[in-house]
Amino acid sequence: MKILLPAWLALFAGAPQAAEDTRQLVAMPAAADANLRSEMRASLLALNEILGLVVAGKLKEAGEMAEKELGLSAMGKHRQQPFDARPGPHMPPAMHRLGIDGHQAASEFARLAASGDRERTIAALPSLTAACVACHYSYRIR
């Protein structure tokens, strides 16, 4: 391993530094940070499952999952926790709005999927991630 280390260092010695992260840093108490990160991982898992259901032609199930895991029905998961464990109150208003927009988009997707119209459901898939992309592109918590 000692032989490889200098070779590895040589590879990266001239590499340009990563671009500065210009996203807005949002400071949160540790418990709120942990809850938000956990929720984001669960959302990714749900998105992956929704995509699989759509591909399999199981639109109704995809819509049900979208509503339950991502839609308006999924809001307020941390409502009963102490203030320092609730992510929402620690977000800037525009970040919080993006989260609400994402929940609304998921509920709209769920409505379309429930209709059984495959083309409209597929066309609505990008709306499931648009608010996520906008938020992750604009904000960071670390």
N, C-alpha and C. Protein backbone atom coordinates (compact mmCIF):
# COMPACT_ATOMS: atom_id res chain seq x y z
N MET A 1 0.82 -1.19 0.00
CA MET A 1 0.00 0.00 0.00
C MET A 1 0.86 1.26 0.00
N LYS A 2 2.02 1.19 0.61
CA LYS A 2 2.90 2.35 0.67
C LYS A 2 3.36 2.76 -0.72
N ILE A 3 3.47 1.82 -1.63
CA ILE A 3 3.89 2.12 -2.99
C ILE A 3 2.79 2.87 -3.73
N LEU A 4 1.54 2.52 -3.49
CA LEU A 4 0.42 3.14 -4.19
C LEU A 4 0.13 4.55 -3.69
N LEU A 5 0.41 4.81 -2.43
CA LEU A 5 0.08 6.12 -1.88
C LEU A 5 0.77 7.26 -2.63
N PRO A 6 2.09 7.20 -2.89
CA PRO A 6 2.70 8.29 -3.65
C PRO A 6 2.11 8.42 -5.06
N ALA A 7 1.76 7.32 -5.69
CA ALA A 7 1.15 7.39 -7.02
C ALA A 7 -0.21 8.08 -6.95
N TRP A 8 -0.97 7.75 -5.93
CA TRP A 8 -2.28 8.37 -5.75
C TRP A 8 -2.13 9.87 -5.50
N LEU A 9 -1.17 10.24 -4.67
CA LEU A 9 -0.93 11.65 -4.40
C LEU A 9 -0.51 12.39 -5.66
N ALA A 10 0.30 11.76 -6.48
CA ALA A 10 0.75 12.39 -7.73
C ALA A 10 -0.42 12.64 -8.67
N LEU A 11 -1.37 11.72 -8.69
CA LEU A 11 -2.54 11.90 -9.55
C LEU A 11 -3.34 13.14 -9.19
N PHE A 12 -3.46 13.41 -7.88
CA PHE A 12 -4.31 14.50 -7.43
C PHE A 12 -3.55 15.78 -7.11
N ALA A 13 -2.24 15.74 -7.16
CA ALA A 13 -1.45 16.92 -6.82
C ALA A 13 -1.76 18.09 -7.75
N GLY A 14 -1.94 17.81 -9.03
CA GLY A 14 -2.20 18.88 -9.99
C GLY A 14 -3.68 19.07 -10.29
N ALA A 15 -4.54 18.33 -9.63
CA ALA A 15 -5.97 18.43 -9.90
C ALA A 15 -6.51 19.76 -9.40
N PRO A 16 -7.39 20.39 -10.18
CA PRO A 16 -7.97 21.66 -9.72
C PRO A 16 -8.84 21.43 -8.49
N GLN A 17 -8.91 22.43 -7.65
CA GLN A 17 -9.75 22.36 -6.46
C GLN A 17 -11.22 22.39 -6.89
N ALA A 18 -12.06 21.74 -6.11
CA ALA A 18 -13.49 21.74 -6.39
C ALA A 18 -14.02 23.18 -6.32
N ALA A 19 -14.98 23.47 -7.14
CA ALA A 19 -15.59 24.80 -7.14
C ALA A 19 -16.24 25.06 -5.78
N GLU A 20 -16.23 26.30 -5.39
CA GLU A 20 -16.84 26.68 -4.12
C GLU A 20 -18.34 26.39 -4.16
N ASP A 21 -18.84 25.86 -3.08
CA ASP A 21 -20.27 25.57 -2.96
C ASP A 21 -20.98 26.88 -2.64
N THR A 22 -21.76 27.38 -3.59
CA THR A 22 -22.42 28.67 -3.42
C THR A 22 -23.85 28.55 -2.89
N ARG A 23 -24.28 27.34 -2.60
CA ARG A 23 -25.62 27.18 -2.05
C ARG A 23 -25.70 27.82 -0.67
N GLN A 24 -26.88 28.29 -0.32
CA GLN A 24 -27.07 28.91 0.99
C GLN A 24 -27.00 27.85 2.08
N LEU A 25 -26.16 28.09 3.07
CA LEU A 25 -26.06 27.20 4.22
C LEU A 25 -27.22 27.50 5.17
N VAL A 26 -27.95 26.47 5.52
CA VAL A 26 -29.06 26.61 6.47
C VAL A 26 -28.66 25.87 7.74
N ALA A 27 -28.41 26.63 8.78
CA ALA A 27 -28.02 26.03 10.06
C ALA A 27 -29.27 25.54 10.78
N MET A 28 -29.19 24.31 11.26
CA MET A 28 -30.30 23.71 12.00
C MET A 28 -29.73 23.03 13.23
N PRO A 29 -30.54 22.91 14.27
CA PRO A 29 -30.12 22.10 15.41
C PRO A 29 -29.87 20.66 14.93
N ALA A 30 -29.00 19.96 15.61
CA ALA A 30 -28.61 18.60 15.20
C ALA A 30 -29.82 17.68 15.00
N ALA A 31 -30.80 17.75 15.85
CA ALA A 31 -31.96 16.86 15.74
C ALA A 31 -32.78 17.17 14.48
N ALA A 32 -32.94 18.44 14.17
CA ALA A 32 -33.68 18.83 12.96
C ALA A 32 -32.90 18.41 11.72
N ASP A 33 -31.59 18.60 11.75
CA ASP A 33 -30.71 18.18 10.66
C ASP A 33 -30.86 16.68 10.42
N ALA A 34 -30.79 15.90 11.48
CA ALA A 34 -30.91 14.44 11.36
C ALA A 34 -32.27 14.03 10.81
N ASN A 35 -33.33 14.67 11.29
CA ASN A 35 -34.66 14.35 10.79
C ASN A 35 -34.81 14.70 9.31
N LEU A 36 -34.28 15.85 8.91
CA LEU A 36 -34.37 16.25 7.51
C LEU A 36 -33.59 15.29 6.62
N ARG A 37 -32.40 14.94 7.03
CA ARG A 37 -31.59 14.01 6.23
C ARG A 37 -32.28 12.65 6.12
N SER A 38 -32.85 12.17 7.21
CA SER A 38 -33.57 10.90 7.19
C SER A 38 -34.78 10.97 6.26
N GLU A 39 -35.48 12.08 6.32
CA GLU A 39 -36.66 12.27 5.46
C GLU A 39 -36.26 12.31 3.98
N MET A 40 -35.14 12.94 3.68
CA MET A 40 -34.67 13.02 2.29
C MET A 40 -34.29 11.64 1.77
N ARG A 41 -33.63 10.82 2.61
CA ARG A 41 -33.30 9.45 2.19
C ARG A 41 -34.57 8.64 1.95
N ALA A 42 -35.56 8.79 2.81
CA ALA A 42 -36.83 8.08 2.63
C ALA A 42 -37.54 8.55 1.36
N SER A 43 -37.42 9.84 1.05
CA SER A 43 -38.02 10.37 -0.18
C SER A 43 -37.36 9.77 -1.41
N LEU A 44 -36.04 9.63 -1.38
CA LEU A 44 -35.34 9.01 -2.51
C LEU A 44 -35.79 7.56 -2.71
N LEU A 45 -35.93 6.86 -1.62
CA LEU A 45 -36.41 5.47 -1.69
C LEU A 45 -37.81 5.44 -2.28
N ALA A 46 -38.69 6.31 -1.83
CA ALA A 46 -40.06 6.38 -2.35
C ALA A 46 -40.06 6.71 -3.84
N LEU A 47 -39.25 7.69 -4.24
CA LEU A 47 -39.17 8.04 -5.67
C LEU A 47 -38.75 6.84 -6.51
N ASN A 48 -37.76 6.12 -6.03
CA ASN A 48 -37.30 4.95 -6.76
C ASN A 48 -38.41 3.91 -6.90
N GLU A 49 -39.13 3.69 -5.83
CA GLU A 49 -40.24 2.72 -5.88
C GLU A 49 -41.37 3.21 -6.78
N ILE A 50 -41.66 4.49 -6.75
CA ILE A 50 -42.70 5.06 -7.62
C ILE A 50 -42.32 4.86 -9.09
N LEU A 51 -41.07 5.14 -9.41
CA LEU A 51 -40.61 4.94 -10.80
C LEU A 51 -40.78 3.49 -11.23
N GLY A 52 -40.41 2.57 -10.36
CA GLY A 52 -40.57 1.15 -10.67
C GLY A 52 -42.02 0.77 -10.89
N LEU A 53 -42.90 1.30 -10.08
CA LEU A 53 -44.33 1.02 -10.23
C LEU A 53 -44.87 1.58 -11.55
N VAL A 54 -44.45 2.77 -11.92
CA VAL A 54 -44.90 3.35 -13.18
C VAL A 54 -44.42 2.50 -14.34
N VAL A 55 -43.15 2.11 -14.32
CA VAL A 55 -42.60 1.27 -15.39
C VAL A 55 -43.37 -0.04 -15.49
N ALA A 56 -43.77 -0.59 -14.36
CA ALA A 56 -44.51 -1.85 -14.34
C ALA A 56 -45.98 -1.67 -14.70
N GLY A 57 -46.39 -0.43 -14.95
CA GLY A 57 -47.78 -0.17 -15.30
C GLY A 57 -48.72 -0.15 -14.11
N LYS A 58 -48.19 -0.09 -12.92
CA LYS A 58 -49.00 -0.08 -11.70
C LYS A 58 -49.21 1.38 -11.27
N LEU A 59 -49.98 2.08 -12.08
CA LEU A 59 -50.16 3.52 -11.86
C LEU A 59 -50.89 3.84 -10.57
N LYS A 60 -51.93 3.08 -10.28
CA LYS A 60 -52.69 3.32 -9.05
C LYS A 60 -51.79 3.19 -7.82
N GLU A 61 -50.98 2.13 -7.81
CA GLU A 61 -50.07 1.92 -6.68
C GLU A 61 -49.02 3.02 -6.61
N ALA A 62 -48.53 3.46 -7.77
CA ALA A 62 -47.56 4.54 -7.81
C ALA A 62 -48.16 5.82 -7.22
N GLY A 63 -49.39 6.10 -7.58
CA GLY A 63 -50.07 7.27 -7.04
C GLY A 63 -50.30 7.18 -5.55
N GLU A 64 -50.68 6.00 -5.09
CA GLU A 64 -50.91 5.82 -3.66
C GLU A 64 -49.62 6.03 -2.88
N MET A 65 -48.52 5.51 -3.40
CA MET A 65 -47.24 5.68 -2.73
C MET A 65 -46.81 7.15 -2.76
N ALA A 66 -47.01 7.80 -3.90
CA ALA A 66 -46.64 9.21 -4.01
C ALA A 66 -47.38 10.04 -2.98
N GLU A 67 -48.66 9.80 -2.83
CA GLU A 67 -49.43 10.57 -1.86
C GLU A 67 -48.99 10.26 -0.43
N LYS A 68 -48.87 8.99 -0.12
CA LYS A 68 -48.55 8.59 1.25
C LYS A 68 -47.15 9.05 1.67
N GLU A 69 -46.17 8.87 0.79
CA GLU A 69 -44.78 9.12 1.17
C GLU A 69 -44.29 10.53 0.84
N LEU A 70 -44.87 11.18 -0.19
CA LEU A 70 -44.36 12.46 -0.65
C LEU A 70 -45.40 13.57 -0.70
N GLY A 71 -46.65 13.23 -0.79
CA GLY A 71 -47.71 14.21 -1.00
C GLY A 71 -48.07 15.01 0.24
N LEU A 72 -49.14 15.76 0.13
CA LEU A 72 -49.61 16.58 1.25
C LEU A 72 -49.87 15.73 2.49
N SER A 73 -50.24 14.47 2.27
CA SER A 73 -50.47 13.56 3.40
C SER A 73 -49.22 13.30 4.21
N ALA A 74 -48.05 13.51 3.60
CA ALA A 74 -46.77 13.24 4.26
C ALA A 74 -46.25 14.44 5.05
N MET A 75 -46.92 15.56 4.95
CA MET A 75 -46.45 16.76 5.66
C MET A 75 -46.67 16.62 7.17
N GLY A 76 -45.81 17.27 7.92
CA GLY A 76 -45.99 17.33 9.36
C GLY A 76 -45.52 16.11 10.12
N LYS A 77 -44.62 15.33 9.54
CA LYS A 77 -44.14 14.11 10.20
C LYS A 77 -43.48 14.40 11.55
N HIS A 78 -42.94 15.59 11.71
CA HIS A 78 -42.19 15.91 12.92
C HIS A 78 -42.95 16.88 13.83
N ARG A 79 -44.21 17.09 13.54
CA ARG A 79 -45.04 18.07 14.23
C ARG A 79 -45.06 17.86 15.75
N GLN A 80 -45.06 16.63 16.18
CA GLN A 80 -45.17 16.34 17.61
C GLN A 80 -43.83 16.33 18.33
N GLN A 81 -42.75 16.52 17.59
CA GLN A 81 -41.43 16.50 18.21
C GLN A 81 -41.07 17.87 18.78
N PRO A 82 -40.06 17.90 19.63
CA PRO A 82 -39.62 19.20 20.17
C PRO A 82 -39.21 20.14 19.04
N PHE A 83 -39.28 21.43 19.30
CA PHE A 83 -38.98 22.44 18.29
C PHE A 83 -37.63 22.20 17.63
N ASP A 84 -36.60 21.85 18.39
CA ASP A 84 -35.26 21.66 17.83
C ASP A 84 -35.15 20.43 16.95
N ALA A 85 -36.16 19.58 16.93
CA ALA A 85 -36.14 18.39 16.08
C ALA A 85 -36.98 18.57 14.82
N ARG A 86 -37.64 19.70 14.69
CA ARG A 86 -38.52 19.95 13.54
C ARG A 86 -37.76 20.78 12.50
N PRO A 87 -37.52 20.22 11.30
CA PRO A 87 -36.76 20.95 10.28
C PRO A 87 -37.46 22.21 9.77
N GLY A 88 -38.73 22.16 9.53
CA GLY A 88 -39.46 23.26 8.90
C GLY A 88 -39.24 24.62 9.52
N PRO A 89 -39.37 24.77 10.83
CA PRO A 89 -39.20 26.08 11.44
C PRO A 89 -37.79 26.67 11.30
N HIS A 90 -36.82 25.85 10.98
CA HIS A 90 -35.44 26.31 10.86
C HIS A 90 -35.05 26.63 9.42
N MET A 91 -35.98 26.45 8.50
CA MET A 91 -35.71 26.72 7.09
C MET A 91 -36.04 28.17 6.74
N PRO A 92 -35.27 28.75 5.82
CA PRO A 92 -35.68 30.06 5.29
C PRO A 92 -37.04 29.89 4.60
N PRO A 93 -37.85 30.95 4.56
CA PRO A 93 -39.18 30.82 3.96
C PRO A 93 -39.18 30.25 2.54
N ALA A 94 -38.23 30.65 1.71
CA ALA A 94 -38.21 30.15 0.32
C ALA A 94 -37.89 28.66 0.28
N MET A 95 -37.04 28.19 1.17
CA MET A 95 -36.73 26.75 1.23
C MET A 95 -37.96 25.98 1.70
N HIS A 96 -38.63 26.52 2.71
CA HIS A 96 -39.84 25.87 3.22
C HIS A 96 -40.91 25.82 2.12
N ARG A 97 -41.02 26.88 1.34
CA ARG A 97 -41.99 26.93 0.25
C ARG A 97 -41.69 25.85 -0.79
N LEU A 98 -40.40 25.64 -1.09
CA LEU A 98 -40.03 24.58 -2.03
C LEU A 98 -40.49 23.22 -1.51
N GLY A 99 -40.35 23.00 -0.22
CA GLY A 99 -40.81 21.74 0.36
C GLY A 99 -42.31 21.56 0.20
N ILE A 100 -43.05 22.61 0.48
CA ILE A 100 -44.51 22.55 0.32
C ILE A 100 -44.87 22.33 -1.15
N ASP A 101 -44.18 23.03 -2.04
CA ASP A 101 -44.42 22.84 -3.48
C ASP A 101 -44.20 21.40 -3.89
N GLY A 102 -43.16 20.78 -3.33
CA GLY A 102 -42.89 19.37 -3.64
C GLY A 102 -44.01 18.46 -3.17
N HIS A 103 -44.53 18.72 -1.97
CA HIS A 103 -45.65 17.92 -1.47
C HIS A 103 -46.88 18.09 -2.36
N GLN A 104 -47.13 19.33 -2.78
CA GLN A 104 -48.28 19.59 -3.65
C GLN A 104 -48.11 18.89 -4.99
N ALA A 105 -46.91 18.93 -5.55
CA ALA A 105 -46.65 18.28 -6.84
C ALA A 105 -46.85 16.77 -6.72
N ALA A 106 -46.43 16.19 -5.61
CA ALA A 106 -46.61 14.75 -5.42
C ALA A 106 -48.10 14.40 -5.33
N SER A 107 -48.88 15.23 -4.67
CA SER A 107 -50.33 14.98 -4.58
C SER A 107 -50.98 15.10 -5.95
N GLU A 108 -50.53 16.06 -6.75
CA GLU A 108 -51.06 16.20 -8.11
C GLU A 108 -50.66 14.99 -8.95
N PHE A 109 -49.43 14.54 -8.82
CA PHE A 109 -48.99 13.33 -9.52
C PHE A 109 -49.87 12.15 -9.11
N ALA A 110 -50.14 12.03 -7.82
CA ALA A 110 -50.97 10.93 -7.33
C ALA A 110 -52.35 10.97 -7.96
N ARG A 111 -52.92 12.16 -8.10
CA ARG A 111 -54.24 12.30 -8.73
C ARG A 111 -54.18 11.85 -10.19
N LEU A 112 -53.13 12.27 -10.90
CA LEU A 112 -53.00 11.87 -12.30
C LEU A 112 -52.80 10.36 -12.43
N ALA A 113 -51.96 9.80 -11.59
CA ALA A 113 -51.70 8.37 -11.65
C ALA A 113 -52.97 7.57 -11.37
N ALA A 114 -53.77 8.05 -10.43
CA ALA A 114 -55.03 7.36 -10.09
C ALA A 114 -55.98 7.33 -11.27
N SER A 115 -55.84 8.28 -12.20
CA SER A 115 -56.72 8.31 -13.37
C SER A 115 -56.43 7.16 -14.33
N GLY A 116 -55.23 6.57 -14.20
CA GLY A 116 -54.85 5.47 -15.08
C GLY A 116 -54.31 5.91 -16.42
N ASP A 117 -54.21 7.21 -16.65
CA ASP A 117 -53.68 7.72 -17.92
C ASP A 117 -52.16 7.64 -17.89
N ARG A 118 -51.62 6.62 -18.55
CA ARG A 118 -50.17 6.36 -18.52
C ARG A 118 -49.37 7.52 -19.09
N GLU A 119 -49.79 8.08 -20.19
CA GLU A 119 -49.03 9.17 -20.82
C GLU A 119 -48.96 10.40 -19.92
N ARG A 120 -50.08 10.78 -19.34
CA ARG A 120 -50.09 11.95 -18.45
C ARG A 120 -49.30 11.68 -17.17
N THR A 121 -49.37 10.45 -16.69
CA THR A 121 -48.62 10.08 -15.50
C THR A 121 -47.12 10.16 -15.77
N ILE A 122 -46.70 9.60 -16.89
CA ILE A 122 -45.28 9.66 -17.25
C ILE A 122 -44.85 11.11 -17.45
N ALA A 123 -45.68 11.90 -18.09
CA ALA A 123 -45.34 13.31 -18.32
C ALA A 123 -45.22 14.07 -17.00
N ALA A 124 -45.89 13.61 -15.97
CA ALA A 124 -45.85 14.30 -14.67
C ALA A 124 -44.68 13.85 -13.79
N LEU A 125 -43.95 12.83 -14.19
CA LEU A 125 -42.84 12.34 -13.36
C LEU A 125 -41.83 13.44 -12.99
N PRO A 126 -41.41 14.29 -13.93
CA PRO A 126 -40.44 15.32 -13.54
C PRO A 126 -40.96 16.26 -12.46
N SER A 127 -42.26 16.41 -12.35
CA SER A 127 -42.80 17.29 -11.31
C SER A 127 -42.54 16.72 -9.92
N LEU A 128 -42.32 15.39 -9.82
CA LEU A 128 -42.03 14.78 -8.53
C LEU A 128 -40.68 15.23 -7.97
N THR A 129 -39.76 15.57 -8.85
CA THR A 129 -38.42 15.92 -8.40
C THR A 129 -38.06 17.38 -8.60
N ALA A 130 -38.89 18.15 -9.25
CA ALA A 130 -38.54 19.55 -9.57
C ALA A 130 -38.24 20.37 -8.32
N ALA A 131 -39.09 20.28 -7.30
CA ALA A 131 -38.85 21.04 -6.08
C ALA A 131 -37.63 20.50 -5.33
N CYS A 132 -37.44 19.20 -5.39
CA CYS A 132 -36.26 18.59 -4.75
C CYS A 132 -34.99 19.14 -5.38
N VAL A 133 -34.95 19.14 -6.70
CA VAL A 133 -33.78 19.63 -7.41
C VAL A 133 -33.55 21.11 -7.08
N ALA A 134 -34.60 21.90 -7.12
CA ALA A 134 -34.47 23.33 -6.84
C ALA A 134 -33.94 23.57 -5.43
N CYS A 135 -34.43 22.81 -4.48
CA CYS A 135 -34.00 22.99 -3.09
C CYS A 135 -32.55 22.55 -2.91
N HIS A 136 -32.23 21.36 -3.40
CA HIS A 136 -30.86 20.86 -3.24
C HIS A 136 -29.85 21.70 -4.02
N TYR A 137 -30.30 22.32 -5.08
CA TYR A 137 -29.42 23.19 -5.86
C TYR A 137 -29.20 24.54 -5.17
N SER A 138 -30.15 24.95 -4.35
CA SER A 138 -30.10 26.27 -3.72
C SER A 138 -29.63 26.26 -2.27
N TYR A 139 -29.86 25.16 -1.57
CA TYR A 139 -29.60 25.12 -0.12
C TYR A 139 -28.77 23.91 0.26
N ARG A 140 -28.10 24.05 1.39
CA ARG A 140 -27.36 22.93 1.98
C ARG A 140 -27.46 23.06 3.49
N ILE A 141 -27.33 21.93 4.18
CA ILE A 141 -27.39 21.98 5.64
C ILE A 141 -26.04 21.62 6.26
N ARG A 142 -25.07 21.33 5.41
CA ARG A 142 -23.70 21.04 5.88
C ARG A 142 -22.71 21.70 4.99
